[in-house]
Protein backbone atom coordinates (compact mmCIF):
# COMPACT_ATOMS: atom_id res chain seq x y z
CA UNK A 1 0.00 0.00 0.00
CA UNK A 2 1.31 3.42 -0.98
CA UNK A 3 0.89 5.61 2.08
CA UNK A 4 1.57 8.88 0.26
CA UNK A 5 -1.24 8.29 -2.20
CA UNK A 6 -3.87 11.02 -2.29
CA UNK A 7 -6.52 8.28 -2.48
CA UNK A 8 -5.84 7.30 1.14
CA UNK A 9 -8.17 8.59 3.84
CA UNK A 10 -7.04 11.33 6.20
CA UNK A 11 -7.05 8.80 9.04
CA UNK A 12 -4.62 6.48 7.23
CA UNK A 13 -2.32 9.34 6.27
CA UNK A 14 -2.39 10.85 9.77
CA UNK A 15 -1.64 7.50 11.37
CA UNK A 16 1.32 6.98 9.04
CA UNK A 17 2.58 10.53 9.63
CA UNK A 18 2.27 10.05 13.40
CA UNK A 19 4.45 6.98 12.96
CA UNK A 20 7.15 9.08 11.31
CA UNK A 21 6.35 8.62 7.62
CA UNK A 22 6.86 12.17 6.37
CA UNK A 23 5.70 11.36 2.84
CA UNK A 24 2.20 10.82 4.23
CA UNK A 25 2.29 14.28 5.81
CA UNK A 26 3.32 15.54 2.36
CA UNK A 27 0.17 13.95 0.92
CA UNK A 28 -1.92 15.72 3.58
CA UNK A 29 -0.14 18.96 2.69
CA UNK A 30 -1.02 18.51 -0.98
CA UNK A 31 -4.63 17.73 -0.10
CA UNK A 32 -5.15 20.73 2.19
CA UNK A 33 -2.73 23.43 1.04
CA UNK A 34 -5.12 25.41 -1.20
CA UNK A 35 -7.90 25.21 1.38
CA UNK A 36 -5.65 26.50 4.15
CA UNK A 37 -4.35 29.35 1.97
CA UNK A 38 -7.96 30.33 1.22
CA UNK A 39 -8.88 30.23 4.89
CA UNK A 40 -5.87 32.39 5.79
CA UNK A 41 -6.65 34.74 2.90
CA UNK A 42 -10.13 35.27 4.34
CA UNK A 43 -8.56 36.25 7.66
CA UNK A 44 -5.67 38.35 6.40
CA UNK A 45 -6.92 39.85 3.15
CA UNK A 46 -3.55 39.35 1.47
CA UNK A 47 -2.56 36.36 -0.68
CA UNK A 48 1.15 36.63 0.16
CA UNK A 49 0.52 36.78 3.89
CA UNK A 50 -1.94 33.92 3.47
CA UNK A 51 0.80 31.78 1.93
CA UNK A 52 3.04 32.59 4.90
CA UNK A 53 0.23 31.74 7.32
CA UNK A 54 -0.39 28.45 5.52
CA UNK A 55 3.29 27.51 5.83
CA UNK A 56 3.21 28.33 9.52
CA UNK A 57 -0.01 26.33 9.92
CA UNK A 58 1.55 23.24 8.38
CA UNK A 59 4.71 23.64 10.45
CA UNK A 60 2.62 23.72 13.63
CA UNK A 61 0.53 20.79 12.44
CA UNK A 62 3.64 18.74 11.73
CA UNK A 63 5.05 19.56 15.14
CA UNK A 64 1.80 18.83 17.01
CA UNK A 65 0.43 15.97 14.89
CA UNK A 66 0.90 13.42 17.66
CA UNK A 67 -1.62 15.34 19.78
CA UNK A 68 -4.41 14.73 17.23
CA UNK A 69 -6.54 11.92 18.65
CA UNK A 70 -9.40 11.74 16.14
CA UNK A 71 -7.53 11.10 12.92
CA UNK A 72 -10.68 11.57 10.83
CA UNK A 73 -10.84 15.20 12.01
CA UNK A 74 -7.50 16.28 10.54
CA UNK A 75 -9.12 18.89 8.26
CA UNK A 76 -11.08 20.70 10.99
CA UNK A 77 -8.07 20.43 13.35
CA UNK A 78 -5.83 21.99 10.70
CA UNK A 79 -8.46 24.69 10.06
CA UNK A 80 -8.45 25.53 13.77
CA UNK A 81 -4.70 25.98 13.71
CA UNK A 82 -5.02 28.13 10.60
CA UNK A 83 -7.57 30.39 12.26
CA UNK A 84 -5.13 31.07 15.10
CA UNK A 85 -2.05 31.78 12.97
CA UNK A 86 -3.46 34.93 11.29
CA UNK A 87 -4.59 36.22 14.69
CA UNK A 88 -1.04 35.86 15.93
CA UNK A 89 0.30 37.52 12.78
CA UNK A 90 -2.10 40.47 13.18
CA UNK A 91 -1.13 41.03 16.81
CA UNK A 92 2.07 42.60 15.51
CA UNK A 93 0.15 44.89 13.12
CA UNK A 94 -2.73 45.83 15.44
CA UNK A 95 -4.92 46.68 12.45
CA UNK A 96 -6.50 44.51 9.76
CA UNK A 97 -4.99 44.58 6.32
CA UNK A 98 -7.22 45.85 3.52
CA UNK A 99 -8.64 43.32 1.14
CA UNK A 100 -6.22 42.80 -1.74
CA UNK A 101 -6.54 44.49 -5.08
CA UNK A 102 -6.70 41.08 -6.74
CA UNK A 103 -10.23 40.77 -5.31
CA UNK A 104 -11.32 43.41 -7.82
CA UNK A 105 -10.21 41.43 -10.85
CA UNK A 106 -13.72 40.00 -11.21
CA UNK A 107 -15.23 43.44 -11.85
CA UNK A 108 -16.09 45.29 -15.02
CA UNK A 109 -13.82 48.14 -16.11
CA UNK A 110 -15.02 51.47 -14.69
CA UNK A 111 -16.43 49.95 -11.51
CA UNK A 112 -13.50 50.98 -9.32
CA UNK A 113 -15.55 52.94 -6.82
CA UNK A 114 -18.18 50.22 -6.43
CA UNK A 115 -15.51 47.48 -6.21
CA UNK A 116 -13.83 49.45 -3.42
CA UNK A 117 -17.17 49.78 -1.62
CA UNK A 118 -17.69 46.01 -1.89
CA UNK A 119 -14.17 45.36 -0.58
CA UNK A 120 -14.79 47.65 2.40
CA UNK A 121 -18.14 45.98 3.10
CA UNK A 122 -16.63 42.50 3.00
CA UNK A 123 -13.86 43.54 5.36
CA UNK A 124 -16.42 44.95 7.81
CA UNK A 125 -18.15 41.59 8.14
CA UNK A 126 -17.44 39.47 11.21
CA UNK A 127 -14.53 37.12 10.49
CA UNK A 128 -16.69 33.99 10.20
CA UNK A 129 -18.84 35.59 7.51
CA UNK A 130 -15.84 37.18 5.80
CA UNK A 131 -14.24 33.71 5.58
CA UNK A 132 -17.23 32.37 3.71
CA UNK A 133 -17.47 35.30 1.30
CA UNK A 134 -13.76 35.34 0.50
CA UNK A 135 -13.59 31.57 0.04
CA UNK A 136 -16.68 31.53 -2.19
CA UNK A 137 -16.32 34.66 -4.30
CA UNK A 138 -12.64 35.60 -4.22
CA UNK A 139 -11.06 32.13 -4.05
CA UNK A 140 -13.77 30.37 -6.10
CA UNK A 141 -14.55 27.55 -3.67
CA UNK A 142 -17.81 25.69 -4.14
CA UNK A 143 -20.21 25.56 -1.22
CA UNK A 144 -19.43 21.85 -0.85
CA UNK A 145 -15.72 22.56 -0.61
CA UNK A 146 -16.30 25.33 1.94
CA UNK A 147 -18.43 22.89 3.91
CA UNK A 148 -15.56 20.39 3.96
CA UNK A 149 -12.90 22.96 4.83
CA UNK A 150 -14.85 24.53 7.68
CA UNK A 151 -16.48 21.27 8.83
CA UNK A 152 -19.96 22.79 8.51
CA UNK A 153 -23.11 21.26 7.04
CA UNK A 154 -23.76 22.47 3.48
CA UNK A 155 -27.07 23.97 4.61
CA UNK A 156 -25.24 26.06 7.22
CA UNK A 157 -22.76 27.32 4.61
CA UNK A 158 -25.61 28.29 2.29
CA UNK A 159 -27.56 30.07 5.03
CA UNK A 160 -24.52 31.94 6.28
CA UNK A 161 -23.58 33.01 2.77
CA UNK A 162 -27.09 34.35 2.20
CA UNK A 163 -26.99 36.32 5.46
CA UNK A 164 -23.52 37.68 4.70
CA UNK A 165 -24.57 38.79 1.22
CA UNK A 166 -27.60 40.55 2.72
CA UNK A 167 -25.33 42.40 5.13
CA UNK A 168 -23.06 43.44 2.26
CA UNK A 169 -26.07 44.62 0.24
CA UNK A 170 -27.32 46.65 3.21
CA UNK A 171 -23.90 48.26 3.69
CA UNK A 172 -23.71 49.08 -0.03
CA UNK A 173 -27.21 50.57 0.03
CA UNK A 174 -26.24 52.80 2.97
CA UNK A 175 -23.18 53.95 1.06
CA UNK A 176 -25.23 54.79 -2.07
CA UNK A 177 -24.50 51.71 -4.20
CA UNK A 178 -27.58 49.65 -3.42
CA UNK A 179 -30.87 49.47 -5.25
C-alpha atoms as a PDB file:
ATOM      1  CA  UNK A   1       0.000   0.000   0.000  1.00  0.00           C
ATOM      2  CA  UNK A   2       1.313   3.419  -0.976  1.00  0.00           C
ATOM      3  CA  UNK A   3       0.887   5.613   2.081  1.00  0.00           C
ATOM      4  CA  UNK A   4       1.569   8.883   0.264  1.00  0.00           C
ATOM      5  CA  UNK A   5      -1.244   8.294  -2.205  1.00  0.00           C
ATOM      6  CA  UNK A   6      -3.868  11.017  -2.294  1.00  0.00           C
ATOM      7  CA  UNK A   7      -6.520   8.277  -2.476  1.00  0.00           C
ATOM      8  CA  UNK A   8      -5.838   7.300   1.144  1.00  0.00           C
ATOM      9  CA  UNK A   9      -8.169   8.592   3.835  1.00  0.00           C
ATOM     10  CA  UNK A  10      -7.043  11.329   6.197  1.00  0.00           C
ATOM     11  CA  UNK A  11      -7.046   8.801   9.037  1.00  0.00           C
ATOM     12  CA  UNK A  12      -4.621   6.478   7.228  1.00  0.00           C
ATOM     13  CA  UNK A  13      -2.316   9.337   6.266  1.00  0.00           C
ATOM     14  CA  UNK A  14      -2.386  10.849   9.766  1.00  0.00           C
ATOM     15  CA  UNK A  15      -1.643   7.497  11.374  1.00  0.00           C
ATOM     16  CA  UNK A  16       1.324   6.978   9.039  1.00  0.00           C
ATOM     17  CA  UNK A  17       2.580  10.528   9.633  1.00  0.00           C
ATOM     18  CA  UNK A  18       2.268  10.054  13.396  1.00  0.00           C
ATOM     19  CA  UNK A  19       4.449   6.981  12.958  1.00  0.00           C
ATOM     20  CA  UNK A  20       7.149   9.076  11.306  1.00  0.00           C
ATOM     21  CA  UNK A  21       6.347   8.624   7.617  1.00  0.00           C
ATOM     22  CA  UNK A  22       6.860  12.173   6.365  1.00  0.00           C
ATOM     23  CA  UNK A  23       5.696  11.360   2.841  1.00  0.00           C
ATOM     24  CA  UNK A  24       2.196  10.818   4.234  1.00  0.00           C
ATOM     25  CA  UNK A  25       2.287  14.281   5.810  1.00  0.00           C
ATOM     26  CA  UNK A  26       3.317  15.540   2.358  1.00  0.00           C
ATOM     27  CA  UNK A  27       0.166  13.953   0.921  1.00  0.00           C
ATOM     28  CA  UNK A  28      -1.923  15.717   3.576  1.00  0.00           C
ATOM     29  CA  UNK A  29      -0.136  18.958   2.694  1.00  0.00           C
ATOM     30  CA  UNK A  30      -1.019  18.514  -0.984  1.00  0.00           C
ATOM     31  CA  UNK A  31      -4.629  17.734  -0.102  1.00  0.00           C
ATOM     32  CA  UNK A  32      -5.146  20.728   2.190  1.00  0.00           C
ATOM     33  CA  UNK A  33      -2.732  23.432   1.037  1.00  0.00           C
ATOM     34  CA  UNK A  34      -5.120  25.406  -1.202  1.00  0.00           C
ATOM     35  CA  UNK A  35      -7.896  25.211   1.378  1.00  0.00           C
ATOM     36  CA  UNK A  36      -5.648  26.505   4.146  1.00  0.00           C
ATOM     37  CA  UNK A  37      -4.350  29.348   1.973  1.00  0.00           C
ATOM     38  CA  UNK A  38      -7.961  30.328   1.218  1.00  0.00           C
ATOM     39  CA  UNK A  39      -8.879  30.228   4.891  1.00  0.00           C
ATOM     40  CA  UNK A  40      -5.874  32.389   5.788  1.00  0.00           C
ATOM     41  CA  UNK A  41      -6.654  34.741   2.897  1.00  0.00           C
ATOM     42  CA  UNK A  42     -10.125  35.274   4.338  1.00  0.00           C
ATOM     43  CA  UNK A  43      -8.559  36.247   7.656  1.00  0.00           C
ATOM     44  CA  UNK A  44      -5.666  38.353   6.399  1.00  0.00           C
ATOM     45  CA  UNK A  45      -6.924  39.846   3.151  1.00  0.00           C
ATOM     46  CA  UNK A  46      -3.549  39.353   1.468  1.00  0.00           C
ATOM     47  CA  UNK A  47      -2.557  36.363  -0.683  1.00  0.00           C
ATOM     48  CA  UNK A  48       1.153  36.628   0.158  1.00  0.00           C
ATOM     49  CA  UNK A  49       0.518  36.780   3.889  1.00  0.00           C
ATOM     50  CA  UNK A  50      -1.940  33.917   3.474  1.00  0.00           C
ATOM     51  CA  UNK A  51       0.801  31.783   1.930  1.00  0.00           C
ATOM     52  CA  UNK A  52       3.043  32.594   4.901  1.00  0.00           C
ATOM     53  CA  UNK A  53       0.226  31.744   7.322  1.00  0.00           C
ATOM     54  CA  UNK A  54      -0.385  28.446   5.523  1.00  0.00           C
ATOM     55  CA  UNK A  55       3.286  27.510   5.826  1.00  0.00           C
ATOM     56  CA  UNK A  56       3.209  28.330   9.525  1.00  0.00           C
ATOM     57  CA  UNK A  57      -0.007  26.325   9.923  1.00  0.00           C
ATOM     58  CA  UNK A  58       1.553  23.237   8.376  1.00  0.00           C
ATOM     59  CA  UNK A  59       4.711  23.639  10.449  1.00  0.00           C
ATOM     60  CA  UNK A  60       2.625  23.723  13.635  1.00  0.00           C
ATOM     61  CA  UNK A  61       0.529  20.793  12.438  1.00  0.00           C
ATOM     62  CA  UNK A  62       3.642  18.741  11.728  1.00  0.00           C
ATOM     63  CA  UNK A  63       5.053  19.560  15.144  1.00  0.00           C
ATOM     64  CA  UNK A  64       1.798  18.832  17.009  1.00  0.00           C
ATOM     65  CA  UNK A  65       0.425  15.973  14.892  1.00  0.00           C
ATOM     66  CA  UNK A  66       0.898  13.418  17.659  1.00  0.00           C
ATOM     67  CA  UNK A  67      -1.618  15.344  19.776  1.00  0.00           C
ATOM     68  CA  UNK A  68      -4.409  14.734  17.227  1.00  0.00           C
ATOM     69  CA  UNK A  69      -6.541  11.925  18.653  1.00  0.00           C
ATOM     70  CA  UNK A  70      -9.401  11.736  16.142  1.00  0.00           C
ATOM     71  CA  UNK A  71      -7.532  11.102  12.925  1.00  0.00           C
ATOM     72  CA  UNK A  72     -10.681  11.574  10.832  1.00  0.00           C
ATOM     73  CA  UNK A  73     -10.838  15.200  12.010  1.00  0.00           C
ATOM     74  CA  UNK A  74      -7.497  16.281  10.542  1.00  0.00           C
ATOM     75  CA  UNK A  75      -9.119  18.885   8.256  1.00  0.00           C
ATOM     76  CA  UNK A  76     -11.075  20.695  10.995  1.00  0.00           C
ATOM     77  CA  UNK A  77      -8.072  20.434  13.351  1.00  0.00           C
ATOM     78  CA  UNK A  78      -5.832  21.992  10.703  1.00  0.00           C
ATOM     79  CA  UNK A  79      -8.456  24.686  10.059  1.00  0.00           C
ATOM     80  CA  UNK A  80      -8.448  25.531  13.766  1.00  0.00           C
ATOM     81  CA  UNK A  81      -4.702  25.976  13.706  1.00  0.00           C
ATOM     82  CA  UNK A  82      -5.025  28.134  10.601  1.00  0.00           C
ATOM     83  CA  UNK A  83      -7.574  30.390  12.262  1.00  0.00           C
ATOM     84  CA  UNK A  84      -5.130  31.066  15.100  1.00  0.00           C
ATOM     85  CA  UNK A  85      -2.048  31.783  12.975  1.00  0.00           C
ATOM     86  CA  UNK A  86      -3.459  34.933  11.285  1.00  0.00           C
ATOM     87  CA  UNK A  87      -4.594  36.221  14.686  1.00  0.00           C
ATOM     88  CA  UNK A  88      -1.044  35.864  15.929  1.00  0.00           C
ATOM     89  CA  UNK A  89       0.297  37.518  12.784  1.00  0.00           C
ATOM     90  CA  UNK A  90      -2.097  40.470  13.180  1.00  0.00           C
ATOM     91  CA  UNK A  91      -1.127  41.035  16.811  1.00  0.00           C
ATOM     92  CA  UNK A  92       2.071  42.599  15.507  1.00  0.00           C
ATOM     93  CA  UNK A  93       0.152  44.886  13.121  1.00  0.00           C
ATOM     94  CA  UNK A  94      -2.729  45.835  15.437  1.00  0.00           C
ATOM     95  CA  UNK A  95      -4.919  46.677  12.445  1.00  0.00           C
ATOM     96  CA  UNK A  96      -6.503  44.512   9.761  1.00  0.00           C
ATOM     97  CA  UNK A  97      -4.989  44.584   6.320  1.00  0.00           C
ATOM     98  CA  UNK A  98      -7.218  45.853   3.519  1.00  0.00           C
ATOM     99  CA  UNK A  99      -8.639  43.318   1.136  1.00  0.00           C
ATOM    100  CA  UNK A 100      -6.222  42.795  -1.736  1.00  0.00           C
ATOM    101  CA  UNK A 101      -6.544  44.487  -5.084  1.00  0.00           C
ATOM    102  CA  UNK A 102      -6.700  41.082  -6.742  1.00  0.00           C
ATOM    103  CA  UNK A 103     -10.226  40.774  -5.306  1.00  0.00           C
ATOM    104  CA  UNK A 104     -11.321  43.415  -7.818  1.00  0.00           C
ATOM    105  CA  UNK A 105     -10.208  41.428 -10.849  1.00  0.00           C
ATOM    106  CA  UNK A 106     -13.723  40.000 -11.206  1.00  0.00           C
ATOM    107  CA  UNK A 107     -15.232  43.444 -11.845  1.00  0.00           C
ATOM    108  CA  UNK A 108     -16.092  45.286 -15.021  1.00  0.00           C
ATOM    109  CA  UNK A 109     -13.823  48.144 -16.111  1.00  0.00           C
ATOM    110  CA  UNK A 110     -15.016  51.471 -14.694  1.00  0.00           C
ATOM    111  CA  UNK A 111     -16.429  49.954 -11.512  1.00  0.00           C
ATOM    112  CA  UNK A 112     -13.500  50.983  -9.319  1.00  0.00           C
ATOM    113  CA  UNK A 113     -15.554  52.944  -6.815  1.00  0.00           C
ATOM    114  CA  UNK A 114     -18.175  50.216  -6.431  1.00  0.00           C
ATOM    115  CA  UNK A 115     -15.513  47.484  -6.208  1.00  0.00           C
ATOM    116  CA  UNK A 116     -13.827  49.448  -3.425  1.00  0.00           C
ATOM    117  CA  UNK A 117     -17.171  49.775  -1.618  1.00  0.00           C
ATOM    118  CA  UNK A 118     -17.693  46.013  -1.887  1.00  0.00           C
ATOM    119  CA  UNK A 119     -14.173  45.359  -0.579  1.00  0.00           C
ATOM    120  CA  UNK A 120     -14.791  47.646   2.400  1.00  0.00           C
ATOM    121  CA  UNK A 121     -18.143  45.984   3.105  1.00  0.00           C
ATOM    122  CA  UNK A 122     -16.627  42.498   2.998  1.00  0.00           C
ATOM    123  CA  UNK A 123     -13.856  43.537   5.358  1.00  0.00           C
ATOM    124  CA  UNK A 124     -16.417  44.951   7.808  1.00  0.00           C
ATOM    125  CA  UNK A 125     -18.151  41.590   8.142  1.00  0.00           C
ATOM    126  CA  UNK A 126     -17.439  39.473  11.213  1.00  0.00           C
ATOM    127  CA  UNK A 127     -14.531  37.123  10.492  1.00  0.00           C
ATOM    128  CA  UNK A 128     -16.694  33.986  10.199  1.00  0.00           C
ATOM    129  CA  UNK A 129     -18.844  35.591   7.507  1.00  0.00           C
ATOM    130  CA  UNK A 130     -15.843  37.177   5.800  1.00  0.00           C
ATOM    131  CA  UNK A 131     -14.237  33.711   5.583  1.00  0.00           C
ATOM    132  CA  UNK A 132     -17.233  32.370   3.709  1.00  0.00           C
ATOM    133  CA  UNK A 133     -17.474  35.298   1.298  1.00  0.00           C
ATOM    134  CA  UNK A 134     -13.757  35.342   0.497  1.00  0.00           C
ATOM    135  CA  UNK A 135     -13.591  31.575   0.043  1.00  0.00           C
ATOM    136  CA  UNK A 136     -16.684  31.531  -2.190  1.00  0.00           C
ATOM    137  CA  UNK A 137     -16.321  34.661  -4.295  1.00  0.00           C
ATOM    138  CA  UNK A 138     -12.636  35.599  -4.216  1.00  0.00           C
ATOM    139  CA  UNK A 139     -11.056  32.129  -4.045  1.00  0.00           C
ATOM    140  CA  UNK A 140     -13.766  30.370  -6.098  1.00  0.00           C
ATOM    141  CA  UNK A 141     -14.545  27.554  -3.671  1.00  0.00           C
ATOM    142  CA  UNK A 142     -17.806  25.688  -4.142  1.00  0.00           C
ATOM    143  CA  UNK A 143     -20.212  25.564  -1.216  1.00  0.00           C
ATOM    144  CA  UNK A 144     -19.430  21.852  -0.851  1.00  0.00           C
ATOM    145  CA  UNK A 145     -15.715  22.562  -0.607  1.00  0.00           C
ATOM    146  CA  UNK A 146     -16.298  25.333   1.943  1.00  0.00           C
ATOM    147  CA  UNK A 147     -18.427  22.889   3.909  1.00  0.00           C
ATOM    148  CA  UNK A 148     -15.564  20.385   3.963  1.00  0.00           C
ATOM    149  CA  UNK A 149     -12.897  22.958   4.834  1.00  0.00           C
ATOM    150  CA  UNK A 150     -14.849  24.526   7.681  1.00  0.00           C
ATOM    151  CA  UNK A 151     -16.484  21.275   8.833  1.00  0.00           C
ATOM    152  CA  UNK A 152     -19.955  22.789   8.506  1.00  0.00           C
ATOM    153  CA  UNK A 153     -23.111  21.263   7.035  1.00  0.00           C
ATOM    154  CA  UNK A 154     -23.758  22.466   3.481  1.00  0.00           C
ATOM    155  CA  UNK A 155     -27.066  23.971   4.608  1.00  0.00           C
ATOM    156  CA  UNK A 156     -25.236  26.064   7.216  1.00  0.00           C
ATOM    157  CA  UNK A 157     -22.764  27.319   4.611  1.00  0.00           C
ATOM    158  CA  UNK A 158     -25.613  28.290   2.290  1.00  0.00           C
ATOM    159  CA  UNK A 159     -27.560  30.068   5.032  1.00  0.00           C
ATOM    160  CA  UNK A 160     -24.525  31.942   6.281  1.00  0.00           C
ATOM    161  CA  UNK A 161     -23.578  33.012   2.767  1.00  0.00           C
ATOM    162  CA  UNK A 162     -27.089  34.347   2.200  1.00  0.00           C
ATOM    163  CA  UNK A 163     -26.994  36.323   5.458  1.00  0.00           C
ATOM    164  CA  UNK A 164     -23.516  37.683   4.704  1.00  0.00           C
ATOM    165  CA  UNK A 165     -24.572  38.792   1.219  1.00  0.00           C
ATOM    166  CA  UNK A 166     -27.600  40.547   2.716  1.00  0.00           C
ATOM    167  CA  UNK A 167     -25.328  42.400   5.126  1.00  0.00           C
ATOM    168  CA  UNK A 168     -23.059  43.443   2.264  1.00  0.00           C
ATOM    169  CA  UNK A 169     -26.065  44.619   0.242  1.00  0.00           C
ATOM    170  CA  UNK A 170     -27.317  46.653   3.206  1.00  0.00           C
ATOM    171  CA  UNK A 171     -23.897  48.261   3.686  1.00  0.00           C
ATOM    172  CA  UNK A 172     -23.708  49.081  -0.029  1.00  0.00           C
ATOM    173  CA  UNK A 173     -27.209  50.569   0.029  1.00  0.00           C
ATOM    174  CA  UNK A 174     -26.240  52.797   2.973  1.00  0.00           C
ATOM    175  CA  UNK A 175     -23.182  53.954   1.056  1.00  0.00           C
ATOM    176  CA  UNK A 176     -25.230  54.786  -2.073  1.00  0.00           C
ATOM    177  CA  UNK A 177     -24.497  51.710  -4.200  1.00  0.00           C
ATOM    178  CA  UNK A 178     -27.584  49.648  -3.420  1.00  0.00           C
ATOM    179  CA  UNK A 179     -30.874  49.473  -5.249  1.00  0.00           C
END
